[in-house]
Amino acid sequence: MITHYEDTKSNTLFSQLINLKQKGSMVEHTEDFQKLNIRVNDILEEYRIYVFIGTLKDNIQDEVHLWEPDSLENAFRLARKIESKIMVTKKPTTYNYKDGTVVALSLP
């Protein structure tokens, strides 16, 4: 796939797309991915899905890959759901400097 783009004007856009890495939320990342994705031509949907999954944070990437999305839109939706699940299951913690322990915060 990369060889196909080596000698074309799209190379820069394609390189930016495959080198994109999720830094913020899935909503932000999906927007960033789509901005580049719509400008890159001649890539099959299955490769776009593969490239998108590769740009995700590791913990999200692994789960999305397991579900084997059949469209880019499904990959976006799965990634958002997985991110939400991860956010809900994260327990707030605090560090106790006296004895070095980490404890869960109790919320009112």
PDB file of N, CA and C in Angstrom:
ATOM      1  N   MET A   1       0.834  -1.184   0.000  1.00  0.00           N
ATOM      2  CA  MET A   1       0.000   0.000   0.000  1.00  0.00           C
ATOM      3  C   MET A   1       0.884   1.254   0.000  1.00  0.00           C
ATOM      4  N   ILE A   2       1.901   1.286   0.831  1.00  0.00           N
ATOM      5  CA  ILE A   2       2.785   2.453   0.891  1.00  0.00           C
ATOM      6  C   ILE A   2       3.500   2.649  -0.440  1.00  0.00           C
ATOM      7  N   THR A   3       3.900   1.561  -1.085  1.00  0.00           N
ATOM      8  CA  THR A   3       4.575   1.641  -2.370  1.00  0.00           C
ATOM      9  C   THR A   3       3.710   2.360  -3.391  1.00  0.00           C
ATOM     10  N   HIS A   4       2.423   2.119  -3.345  1.00  0.00           N
ATOM     11  CA  HIS A   4       1.488   2.754  -4.276  1.00  0.00           C
ATOM     12  C   HIS A   4       1.542   4.269  -4.170  1.00  0.00           C
ATOM     13  N   TYR A   5       1.817   4.794  -2.996  1.00  0.00           N
ATOM     14  CA  TYR A   5       1.793   6.239  -2.767  1.00  0.00           C
ATOM     15  C   TYR A   5       3.166   6.904  -2.823  1.00  0.00           C
ATOM     16  N   GLU A   6       4.217   6.141  -3.008  1.00  0.00           N
ATOM     17  CA  GLU A   6       5.561   6.708  -2.968  1.00  0.00           C
ATOM     18  C   GLU A   6       5.791   7.817  -3.987  1.00  0.00           C
ATOM     19  N   ASP A   7       5.280   7.682  -5.173  1.00  0.00           N
ATOM     20  CA  ASP A   7       5.575   8.646  -6.227  1.00  0.00           C
ATOM     21  C   ASP A   7       4.419   9.581  -6.542  1.00  0.00           C
ATOM     22  N   THR A   8       3.463   9.694  -5.658  1.00  0.00           N
ATOM     23  CA  THR A   8       2.305  10.545  -5.931  1.00  0.00           C
ATOM     24  C   THR A   8       2.265  11.745  -4.998  1.00  0.00           C
ATOM     25  N   LYS A   9       1.458  12.711  -5.395  1.00  0.00           N
ATOM     26  CA  LYS A   9       1.254  13.906  -4.575  1.00  0.00           C
ATOM     27  C   LYS A   9       0.566  13.558  -3.259  1.00  0.00           C
ATOM     28  N   SER A  10      -0.201  12.484  -3.244  1.00  0.00           N
ATOM     29  CA  SER A  10      -0.933  12.068  -2.053  1.00  0.00           C
ATOM     30  C   SER A  10      -0.015  11.512  -0.969  1.00  0.00           C
ATOM     31  N   ASN A  11       1.238  11.285  -1.292  1.00  0.00           N
ATOM     32  CA  ASN A  11       2.149  10.669  -0.338  1.00  0.00           C
ATOM     33  C   ASN A  11       2.175  11.404   0.994  1.00  0.00           C
ATOM     34  N   THR A  12       2.256  12.720   0.959  1.00  0.00           N
ATOM     35  CA  THR A  12       2.315  13.498   2.193  1.00  0.00           C
ATOM     36  C   THR A  12       1.053  13.309   3.009  1.00  0.00           C
ATOM     37  N   LEU A  13      -0.098  13.369   2.370  1.00  0.00           N
ATOM     38  CA  LEU A  13      -1.361  13.176   3.088  1.00  0.00           C
ATOM     39  C   LEU A  13      -1.476  11.757   3.611  1.00  0.00           C
ATOM     40  N   PHE A  14      -1.101  10.781   2.800  1.00  0.00           N
ATOM     41  CA  PHE A  14      -1.153   9.392   3.228  1.00  0.00           C
ATOM     42  C   PHE A  14      -0.220   9.162   4.412  1.00  0.00           C
ATOM     43  N   SER A  15       0.979   9.719   4.348  1.00  0.00           N
ATOM     44  CA  SER A  15       1.941   9.591   5.455  1.00  0.00           C
ATOM     45  C   SER A  15       1.386  10.222   6.728  1.00  0.00           C
ATOM     46  N   GLN A  16       0.775  11.383   6.579  1.00  0.00           N
ATOM     47  CA  GLN A  16       0.164  12.038   7.750  1.00  0.00           C
ATOM     48  C   GLN A  16      -0.939  11.167   8.334  1.00  0.00           C
ATOM     49  N   LEU A  17      -1.713  10.534   7.466  1.00  0.00           N
ATOM     50  CA  LEU A  17      -2.813   9.686   7.923  1.00  0.00           C
ATOM     51  C   LEU A  17      -2.296   8.480   8.692  1.00  0.00           C
ATOM     52  N   ILE A  18      -1.311   7.780   8.153  1.00  0.00           N
ATOM     53  CA  ILE A  18      -0.833   6.576   8.835  1.00  0.00           C
ATOM     54  C   ILE A  18       0.024   6.901  10.062  1.00  0.00           C
ATOM     55  N   ASN A  19       0.547   8.113  10.132  1.00  0.00           N
ATOM     56  CA  ASN A  19       1.352   8.503  11.294  1.00  0.00           C
ATOM     57  C   ASN A  19       0.555   9.240  12.363  1.00  0.00           C
ATOM     58  N   LEU A  20      -0.719   9.456  12.114  1.00  0.00           N
ATOM     59  CA  LEU A  20      -1.575  10.117  13.088  1.00  0.00           C
ATOM     60  C   LEU A  20      -1.684   9.256  14.345  1.00  0.00           C
ATOM     61  N   LYS A  21      -1.640   9.866  15.510  1.00  0.00           N
ATOM     62  CA  LYS A  21      -1.782   9.152  16.776  1.00  0.00           C
ATOM     63  C   LYS A  21      -2.807   9.866  17.638  1.00  0.00           C
ATOM     64  N   GLN A  22      -3.649   9.086  18.274  1.00  0.00           N
ATOM     65  CA  GLN A  22      -4.666   9.657  19.155  1.00  0.00           C
ATOM     66  C   GLN A  22      -4.002  10.285  20.374  1.00  0.00           C
ATOM     67  N   LYS A  23      -4.305  11.552  20.596  1.00  0.00           N
ATOM     68  CA  LYS A  23      -3.765  12.274  21.753  1.00  0.00           C
ATOM     69  C   LYS A  23      -4.873  12.678  22.705  1.00  0.00           C
ATOM     70  N   GLY A  24      -6.042  12.986  22.172  1.00  0.00           N
ATOM     71  CA  GLY A  24      -7.158  13.450  22.991  1.00  0.00           C
ATOM     72  C   GLY A  24      -8.288  12.445  22.997  1.00  0.00           C
ATOM     73  N   SER A  25      -9.493  12.979  23.008  1.00  0.00           N
ATOM     74  CA  SER A  25     -10.683  12.130  23.049  1.00  0.00           C
ATOM     75  C   SER A  25     -10.926  11.482  21.686  1.00  0.00           C
ATOM     76  N   MET A  26     -11.785  10.477  21.667  1.00  0.00           N
ATOM     77  CA  MET A  26     -12.142   9.817  20.417  1.00  0.00           C
ATOM     78  C   MET A  26     -12.847  10.776  19.470  1.00  0.00           C
ATOM     79  N   VAL A  27     -13.673  11.661  19.999  1.00  0.00           N
ATOM     80  CA  VAL A  27     -14.377  12.627  19.148  1.00  0.00           C
ATOM     81  C   VAL A  27     -13.357  13.490  18.407  1.00  0.00           C
ATOM     82  N   GLU A  28     -12.380  14.013  19.134  1.00  0.00           N
ATOM     83  CA  GLU A  28     -11.338  14.840  18.521  1.00  0.00           C
ATOM     84  C   GLU A  28     -10.521  14.035  17.516  1.00  0.00           C
ATOM     85  N   HIS A  29     -10.162  12.832  17.911  1.00  0.00           N
ATOM     86  CA  HIS A  29      -9.313  12.007  17.046  1.00  0.00           C
ATOM     87  C   HIS A  29     -10.044  11.614  15.762  1.00  0.00           C
ATOM     88  N   THR A  30     -11.308  11.255  15.882  1.00  0.00           N
ATOM     89  CA  THR A  30     -12.088  10.891  14.711  1.00  0.00           C
ATOM     90  C   THR A  30     -12.163  12.064  13.741  1.00  0.00           C
ATOM     91  N   GLU A  31     -12.354  13.271  14.265  1.00  0.00           N
ATOM     92  CA  GLU A  31     -12.375  14.465  13.408  1.00  0.00           C
ATOM     93  C   GLU A  31     -11.036  14.657  12.701  1.00  0.00           C
ATOM     94  N   ASP A  32      -9.943  14.519  13.456  1.00  0.00           N
ATOM     95  CA  ASP A  32      -8.608  14.663  12.862  1.00  0.00           C
ATOM     96  C   ASP A  32      -8.379  13.616  11.778  1.00  0.00           C
ATOM     97  N   PHE A  33      -8.767  12.381  12.069  1.00  0.00           N
ATOM     98  CA  PHE A  33      -8.604  11.303  11.088  1.00  0.00           C
ATOM     99  C   PHE A  33      -9.425  11.592   9.835  1.00  0.00           C
ATOM    100  N   GLN A  34     -10.669  12.001  10.008  1.00  0.00           N
ATOM    101  CA  GLN A  34     -11.548  12.253   8.865  1.00  0.00           C
ATOM    102  C   GLN A  34     -11.042  13.398   7.982  1.00  0.00           C
ATOM    103  N   LYS A  35     -10.458  14.422   8.596  1.00  0.00           N
ATOM    104  CA  LYS A  35      -9.924  15.548   7.814  1.00  0.00           C
ATOM    105  C   LYS A  35      -8.869  15.076   6.817  1.00  0.00           C
ATOM    106  N   LEU A  36      -8.034  14.137   7.253  1.00  0.00           N
ATOM    107  CA  LEU A  36      -7.013  13.593   6.352  1.00  0.00           C
ATOM    108  C   LEU A  36      -7.600  12.515   5.448  1.00  0.00           C
ATOM    109  N   ASN A  37      -8.442  11.681   6.008  1.00  0.00           N
ATOM    110  CA  ASN A  37      -9.005  10.545   5.278  1.00  0.00           C
ATOM    111  C   ASN A  37      -9.744  10.972   4.012  1.00  0.00           C
ATOM    112  N   ILE A  38     -10.501  12.047   4.083  1.00  0.00           N
ATOM    113  CA  ILE A  38     -11.277  12.470   2.911  1.00  0.00           C
ATOM    114  C   ILE A  38     -10.391  13.027   1.796  1.00  0.00           C
ATOM    115  N   ARG A  39      -9.160  13.351   2.125  1.00  0.00           N
ATOM    116  CA  ARG A  39      -8.250  13.919   1.123  1.00  0.00           C
ATOM    117  C   ARG A  39      -7.346  12.864   0.476  1.00  0.00           C
ATOM    118  N   VAL A  40      -7.365  11.638   1.029  1.00  0.00           N
ATOM    119  CA  VAL A  40      -6.543  10.565   0.480  1.00  0.00           C
ATOM    120  C   VAL A  40      -7.430   9.674  -0.387  1.00  0.00           C
ATOM    121  N   ASN A  41      -7.025   9.485  -1.639  1.00  0.00           N
ATOM    122  CA  ASN A  41      -7.819   8.706  -2.592  1.00  0.00           C
ATOM    123  C   ASN A  41      -7.264   7.294  -2.765  1.00  0.00           C
ATOM    124  N   ASP A  42      -8.065   6.454  -3.383  1.00  0.00           N
ATOM    125  CA  ASP A  42      -7.632   5.124  -3.833  1.00  0.00           C
ATOM    126  C   ASP A  42      -7.192   4.182  -2.716  1.00  0.00           C
ATOM    127  N   ILE A  43      -7.828   4.273  -1.571  1.00  0.00           N
ATOM    128  CA  ILE A  43      -7.562   3.299  -0.507  1.00  0.00           C
ATOM    129  C   ILE A  43      -8.860   2.554  -0.256  1.00  0.00           C
ATOM    130  N   LEU A  44      -8.778   1.252  -0.277  1.00  0.00           N
ATOM    131  CA  LEU A  44      -9.960   0.436   0.002  1.00  0.00           C
ATOM    132  C   LEU A  44     -10.432   0.652   1.435  1.00  0.00           C
ATOM    133  N   GLU A  45     -11.717   0.470   1.641  1.00  0.00           N
ATOM    134  CA  GLU A  45     -12.321   0.648   2.966  1.00  0.00           C
ATOM    135  C   GLU A  45     -11.622  -0.208   4.023  1.00  0.00           C
ATOM    136  N   GLU A  46     -11.300  -1.454   3.690  1.00  0.00           N
ATOM    137  CA  GLU A  46     -10.660  -2.333   4.677  1.00  0.00           C
ATOM    138  C   GLU A  46      -9.309  -1.776   5.132  1.00  0.00           C
ATOM    139  N   TYR A  47      -8.580  -1.126   4.240  1.00  0.00           N
ATOM    140  CA  TYR A  47      -7.308  -0.514   4.614  1.00  0.00           C
ATOM    141  C   TYR A  47      -7.525   0.740   5.458  1.00  0.00           C
ATOM    142  N   ARG A  48      -8.556   1.495   5.156  1.00  0.00           N
ATOM    143  CA  ARG A  48      -8.875   2.678   5.958  1.00  0.00           C
ATOM    144  C   ARG A  48      -9.201   2.257   7.403  1.00  0.00           C
ATOM    145  N   ILE A  49      -9.942   1.174   7.538  1.00  0.00           N
ATOM    146  CA  ILE A  49     -10.277   0.653   8.868  1.00  0.00           C
ATOM    147  C   ILE A  49      -8.996   0.265   9.593  1.00  0.00           C
ATOM    148  N   TYR A  50      -8.146  -0.466   8.909  1.00  0.00           N
ATOM    149  CA  TYR A  50      -6.875  -0.912   9.485  1.00  0.00           C
ATOM    150  C   TYR A  50      -6.013   0.277   9.913  1.00  0.00           C
ATOM    151  N   VAL A  51      -5.927   1.285   9.044  1.00  0.00           N
ATOM    152  CA  VAL A  51      -5.139   2.485   9.365  1.00  0.00           C
ATOM    153  C   VAL A  51      -5.741   3.199  10.566  1.00  0.00           C
ATOM    154  N   PHE A  52      -7.068   3.374  10.588  1.00  0.00           N
ATOM    155  CA  PHE A  52      -7.718   4.048  11.714  1.00  0.00           C
ATOM    156  C   PHE A  52      -7.427   3.330  13.024  1.00  0.00           C
ATOM    157  N   ILE A  53      -7.598   2.027  13.049  1.00  0.00           N
ATOM    158  CA  ILE A  53      -7.351   1.268  14.281  1.00  0.00           C
ATOM    159  C   ILE A  53      -5.908   1.457  14.739  1.00  0.00           C
ATOM    160  N   GLY A  54      -4.988   1.498  13.802  1.00  0.00           N
ATOM    161  CA  GLY A  54      -3.574   1.683  14.134  1.00  0.00           C
ATOM    162  C   GLY A  54      -3.250   3.045  14.718  1.00  0.00           C
ATOM    163  N   THR A  55      -4.137   4.027  14.551  1.00  0.00           N
ATOM    164  CA  THR A  55      -3.881   5.369  15.077  1.00  0.00           C
ATOM    165  C   THR A  55      -4.405   5.553  16.499  1.00  0.00           C
ATOM    166  N   LEU A  56      -5.124   4.557  17.004  1.00  0.00           N
ATOM    167  CA  LEU A  56      -5.759   4.681  18.326  1.00  0.00           C
ATOM    168  C   LEU A  56      -4.793   4.426  19.461  1.00  0.00           C
ATOM    169  N   LYS A  57      -5.165   4.899  20.659  1.00  0.00           N
ATOM    170  CA  LYS A  57      -4.409   4.571  21.866  1.00  0.00           C
ATOM    171  C   LYS A  57      -4.431   3.061  22.024  1.00  0.00           C
ATOM    172  N   ASP A  58      -3.357   2.504  22.578  1.00  0.00           N
ATOM    173  CA  ASP A  58      -3.202   1.048  22.648  1.00  0.00           C
ATOM    174  C   ASP A  58      -4.387   0.340  23.298  1.00  0.00           C
ATOM    175  N   ASN A  59      -4.869   0.868  24.426  1.00  0.00           N
ATOM    176  CA  ASN A  59      -5.949   0.184  25.141  1.00  0.00           C
ATOM    177  C   ASN A  59      -7.248   0.183  24.331  1.00  0.00           C
ATOM    178  N   ILE A  60      -7.475   1.177  23.519  1.00  0.00           N
ATOM    179  CA  ILE A  60      -8.662   1.236  22.669  1.00  0.00           C
ATOM    180  C   ILE A  60      -8.418   0.416  21.400  1.00  0.00           C
ATOM    181  N   GLN A  61      -7.242   0.542  20.848  1.00  0.00           N
ATOM    182  CA  GLN A  61      -6.867  -0.159  19.623  1.00  0.00           C
ATOM    183  C   GLN A  61      -7.065  -1.671  19.751  1.00  0.00           C
ATOM    184  N   ASP A  62      -6.613  -2.234  20.845  1.00  0.00           N
ATOM    185  CA  ASP A  62      -6.704  -3.683  21.041  1.00  0.00           C
ATOM    186  C   ASP A  62      -8.146  -4.172  21.016  1.00  0.00           C
ATOM    187  N   GLU A  63      -9.020  -3.455  21.707  1.00  0.00           N
ATOM    188  CA  GLU A  63     -10.423  -3.876  21.763  1.00  0.00           C
ATOM    189  C   GLU A  63     -11.135  -3.688  20.435  1.00  0.00           C
ATOM    190  N   VAL A  64     -10.897  -2.572  19.770  1.00  0.00           N
ATOM    191  CA  VAL A  64     -11.543  -2.340  18.476  1.00  0.00           C
ATOM    192  C   VAL A  64     -11.117  -3.426  17.494  1.00  0.00           C
ATOM    193  N   HIS A  65      -9.847  -3.757  17.505  1.00  0.00           N
ATOM    194  CA  HIS A  65      -9.328  -4.793  16.607  1.00  0.00           C
ATOM    195  C   HIS A  65     -10.023  -6.137  16.861  1.00  0.00           C
ATOM    196  N   LEU A  66     -10.261  -6.473  18.125  1.00  0.00           N
ATOM    197  CA  LEU A  66     -10.935  -7.734  18.468  1.00  0.00           C
ATOM    198  C   LEU A  66     -12.340  -7.830  17.885  1.00  0.00           C
ATOM    199  N   TRP A  67     -13.028  -6.703  17.787  1.00  0.00           N
ATOM    200  CA  TRP A  67     -14.405  -6.690  17.279  1.00  0.00           C
ATOM    201  C   TRP A  67     -14.484  -6.762  15.761  1.00  0.00           C
ATOM    202  N   GLU A  68     -13.356  -6.595  15.073  1.00  0.00           N
ATOM    203  CA  GLU A  68     -13.274  -6.677  13.617  1.00  0.00           C
ATOM    204  C   GLU A  68     -14.371  -5.873  12.909  1.00  0.00           C
ATOM    205  N   PRO A  69     -14.353  -4.542  13.064  1.00  0.00           N
ATOM    206  CA  PRO A  69     -15.392  -3.724  12.412  1.00  0.00           C
ATOM    207  C   PRO A  69     -15.350  -3.897  10.897  1.00  0.00           C
ATOM    208  N   ASP A  70     -16.537  -3.887  10.283  1.00  0.00           N
ATOM    209  CA  ASP A  70     -16.632  -4.111   8.843  1.00  0.00           C
ATOM    210  C   ASP A  70     -16.759  -2.820   8.037  1.00  0.00           C
ATOM    211  N   SER A  71     -16.765  -1.690   8.731  1.00  0.00           N
ATOM    212  CA  SER A  71     -16.782  -0.395   8.041  1.00  0.00           C
ATOM    213  C   SER A  71     -16.050   0.621   8.906  1.00  0.00           C
ATOM    214  N   LEU A  72     -15.632   1.688   8.286  1.00  0.00           N
ATOM    215  CA  LEU A  72     -14.945   2.748   9.017  1.00  0.00           C
ATOM    216  C   LEU A  72     -15.887   3.371  10.042  1.00  0.00           C
ATOM    217  N   GLU A  73     -17.133   3.547   9.653  1.00  0.00           N
ATOM    218  CA  GLU A  73     -18.131   4.113  10.570  1.00  0.00           C
ATOM    219  C   GLU A  73     -18.312   3.224  11.801  1.00  0.00           C
ATOM    220  N   ASN A  74     -18.330   1.900  11.601  1.00  0.00           N
ATOM    221  CA  ASN A  74     -18.422   0.974  12.741  1.00  0.00           C
ATOM    222  C   ASN A  74     -17.175   1.053  13.617  1.00  0.00           C
ATOM    223  N   ALA A  75     -16.028   1.228  13.009  1.00  0.00           N
ATOM    224  CA  ALA A  75     -14.787   1.366  13.773  1.00  0.00           C
ATOM    225  C   ALA A  75     -14.832   2.629  14.635  1.00  0.00           C
ATOM    226  N   PHE A  76     -15.334   3.733  14.067  1.00  0.00           N
ATOM    227  CA  PHE A  76     -15.474   4.976  14.835  1.00  0.00           C
ATOM    228  C   PHE A  76     -16.403   4.758  16.028  1.00  0.00           C
ATOM    229  N   ARG A  77     -17.544   4.138  15.755  1.00  0.00           N
ATOM    230  CA  ARG A  77     -18.555   3.918  16.791  1.00  0.00           C
ATOM    231  C   ARG A  77     -18.015   3.009  17.904  1.00  0.00           C
ATOM    232  N   LEU A  78     -17.358   1.924  17.516  1.00  0.00           N
ATOM    233  CA  LEU A  78     -16.769   1.009  18.497  1.00  0.00           C
ATOM    234  C   LEU A  78     -15.728   1.717  19.364  1.00  0.00           C
ATOM    235  N   ALA A  79     -14.871   2.486  18.728  1.00  0.00           N
ATOM    236  CA  ALA A  79     -13.815   3.192  19.459  1.00  0.00           C
ATOM    237  C   ALA A  79     -14.417   4.158  20.485  1.00  0.00           C
ATOM    238  N   ARG A  80     -15.484   4.872  20.109  1.00  0.00           N
ATOM    239  CA  ARG A  80     -16.135   5.791  21.051  1.00  0.00           C
ATOM    240  C   ARG A  80     -16.748   5.023  22.222  1.00  0.00           C
ATOM    241  N   LYS A  81     -17.395   3.891  21.921  1.00  0.00           N
ATOM    242  CA  LYS A  81     -18.007   3.079  22.985  1.00  0.00           C
ATOM    243  C   LYS A  81     -16.948   2.519  23.929  1.00  0.00           C
ATOM    244  N   ILE A  82     -15.856   2.055  23.376  1.00  0.00           N
ATOM    245  CA  ILE A  82     -14.784   1.492  24.196  1.00  0.00           C
ATOM    246  C   ILE A  82     -14.153   2.581  25.053  1.00  0.00           C
ATOM    247  N   GLU A  83     -13.945   3.758  24.478  1.00  0.00           N
ATOM    248  CA  GLU A  83     -13.410   4.866  25.259  1.00  0.00           C
ATOM    249  C   GLU A  83     -14.358   5.196  26.416  1.00  0.00           C
ATOM    250  N   SER A  84     -15.658   5.233  26.149  1.00  0.00           N
ATOM    251  CA  SER A  84     -16.643   5.515  27.205  1.00  0.00           C
ATOM    252  C   SER A  84     -16.584   4.464  28.296  1.00  0.00           C
ATOM    253  N   LYS A  85     -16.495   3.211  27.899  1.00  0.00           N
ATOM    254  CA  LYS A  85     -16.411   2.117  28.871  1.00  0.00           C
ATOM    255  C   LYS A  85     -15.170   2.261  29.749  1.00  0.00           C
ATOM    256  N   ILE A  86     -14.057   2.584  29.126  1.00  0.00           N
ATOM    257  CA  ILE A  86     -12.806   2.759  29.870  1.00  0.00           C
ATOM    258  C   ILE A  86     -12.929   3.913  30.858  1.00  0.00           C
ATOM    259  N   MET A  87     -13.533   5.006  30.426  1.00  0.00           N
ATOM    260  CA  MET A  87     -13.693   6.172  31.301  1.00  0.00           C
ATOM    261  C   MET A  87     -14.593   5.857  32.496  1.00  0.00           C
ATOM    262  N   VAL A  88     -15.642   5.088  32.276  1.00  0.00           N
ATOM    263  CA  VAL A  88     -16.572   4.736  33.355  1.00  0.00           C
ATOM    264  C   VAL A  88     -15.917   3.786  34.352  1.00  0.00           C
ATOM    265  N   THR A  89     -15.110   2.866  33.858  1.00  0.00           N
ATOM    266  CA  THR A  89     -14.520   1.861  34.744  1.00  0.00           C
ATOM    267  C   THR A  89     -13.278   2.350  35.481  1.00  0.00           C
ATOM    268  N   LYS A  90     -12.742   3.489  35.056  1.00  0.00           N
ATOM    269  CA  LYS A  90     -11.594   4.047  35.784  1.00  0.00           C
ATOM    270  C   LYS A  90     -12.060   4.574  37.124  1.00  0.00           C
ATOM    271  N   LYS A  91     -11.406   4.142  38.177  1.00  0.00           N
ATOM    272  CA  LYS A  91     -11.748   4.634  39.505  1.00  0.00           C
ATOM    273  C   LYS A  91     -10.775   5.752  39.873  1.00  0.00           C
ATOM    274  N   PRO A  92     -11.301   6.861  40.362  1.00  0.00           N
ATOM    275  CA  PRO A  92     -10.389   7.924  40.808  1.00  0.00           C
ATOM    276  C   PRO A  92      -9.542   7.424  41.977  1.00  0.00           C
ATOM    277  N   THR A  93      -8.271   7.751  41.942  1.00  0.00           N
ATOM    278  CA  THR A  93      -7.381   7.328  43.024  1.00  0.00           C
ATOM    279  C   THR A  93      -6.621   8.527  43.565  1.00  0.00           C
ATOM    280  N   THR A  94      -6.092   8.339  44.733  1.00  0.00           N
ATOM    281  CA  THR A  94      -5.251   9.369  45.343  1.00  0.00           C
ATOM    282  C   THR A  94      -4.019   8.695  45.917  1.00  0.00           C
ATOM    283  N   TYR A  95      -2.948   9.416  45.992  1.00  0.00           N
ATOM    284  CA  TYR A  95      -1.700   8.890  46.503  1.00  0.00           C
ATOM    285  C   TYR A  95      -1.521   9.377  47.927  1.00  0.00           C
ATOM    286  N   ASN A  96      -1.286   8.452  48.866  1.00  0.00           N
ATOM    287  CA  ASN A  96      -1.047   8.791  50.255  1.00  0.00           C
ATOM    288  C   ASN A  96       0.458   8.942  50.446  1.00  0.00           C
ATOM    289  N   TYR A  97       0.907  10.179  50.624  1.00  0.00           N
ATOM    290  CA  TYR A  97       2.342  10.438  50.703  1.00  0.00           C
ATOM    291  C   TYR A  97       2.977   9.923  51.985  1.00  0.00           C
ATOM    292  N   LYS A  98       2.182   9.711  53.036  1.00  0.00           N
ATOM    293  CA  LYS A  98       2.753   9.233  54.299  1.00  0.00           C
ATOM    294  C   LYS A  98       3.274   7.808  54.179  1.00  0.00           C
ATOM    295  N   ASP A  99       2.437   6.917  53.637  1.00  0.00           N
ATOM    296  CA  ASP A  99       2.870   5.517  53.581  1.00  0.00           C
ATOM    297  C   ASP A  99       3.046   4.972  52.161  1.00  0.00           C
ATOM    298  N   GLY A 100       2.849   5.812  51.151  1.00  0.00           N
ATOM    299  CA  GLY A 100       3.087   5.398  49.771  1.00  0.00           C
ATOM    300  C   GLY A 100       1.996   4.564  49.137  1.00  0.00           C
ATOM    301  N   THR A 101       0.817   4.498  49.750  1.00  0.00           N
ATOM    302  CA  THR A 101      -0.255   3.680  49.192  1.00  0.00           C
ATOM    303  C   THR A 101      -1.109   4.482  48.218  1.00  0.00           C
ATOM    304  N   VAL A 102      -1.780   3.773  47.345  1.00  0.00           N
ATOM    305  CA  VAL A 102      -2.733   4.375  46.422  1.00  0.00           C
ATOM    306  C   VAL A 102      -4.094   3.832  46.796  1.00  0.00           C
ATOM    307  N   VAL A 103      -5.049   4.748  47.049  1.00  0.00           N
ATOM    308  CA  VAL A 103      -6.377   4.315  47.465  1.00  0.00           C
ATOM    309  C   VAL A 103      -7.426   4.958  46.569  1.00  0.00           C
ATOM    310  N   ALA A 104      -8.562   4.276  46.438  1.00  0.00           N
ATOM    311  CA  ALA A 104      -9.659   4.821  45.642  1.00  0.00           C
ATOM    312  C   ALA A 104     -10.332   5.925  46.437  1.00  0.00           C
ATOM    313  N   LEU A 105     -10.684   6.991  45.740  1.00  0.00           N
ATOM    314  CA  LEU A 105     -11.413   8.084  46.386  1.00  0.00           C
ATOM    315  C   LEU A 105     -12.851   7.648  46.621  1.00  0.00           C
ATOM    316  N   SER A 106     -13.393   7.994  47.752  1.00  0.00           N
ATOM    317  CA  SER A 106     -14.812   7.710  47.971  1.00  0.00           C
ATOM    318  C   SER A 106     -15.599   8.953  47.610  1.00  0.00           C
ATOM    319  N   LEU A 107     -16.517   8.776  46.696  1.00  0.00           N
ATOM    320  CA  LEU A 107     -17.320   9.902  46.226  1.00  0.00           C
ATOM    321  C   LEU A 107     -18.597   9.986  47.053  1.00  0.00           C
ATOM    322  N   PRO A 108     -19.058  11.221  47.351  1.00  0.00           N
ATOM    323  CA  PRO A 108     -20.275  11.361  48.165  1.00  0.00           C
ATOM    324  C   PRO A 108     -21.502  10.856  47.463  1.00  0.00           C
TER     325      PRO A 108
END
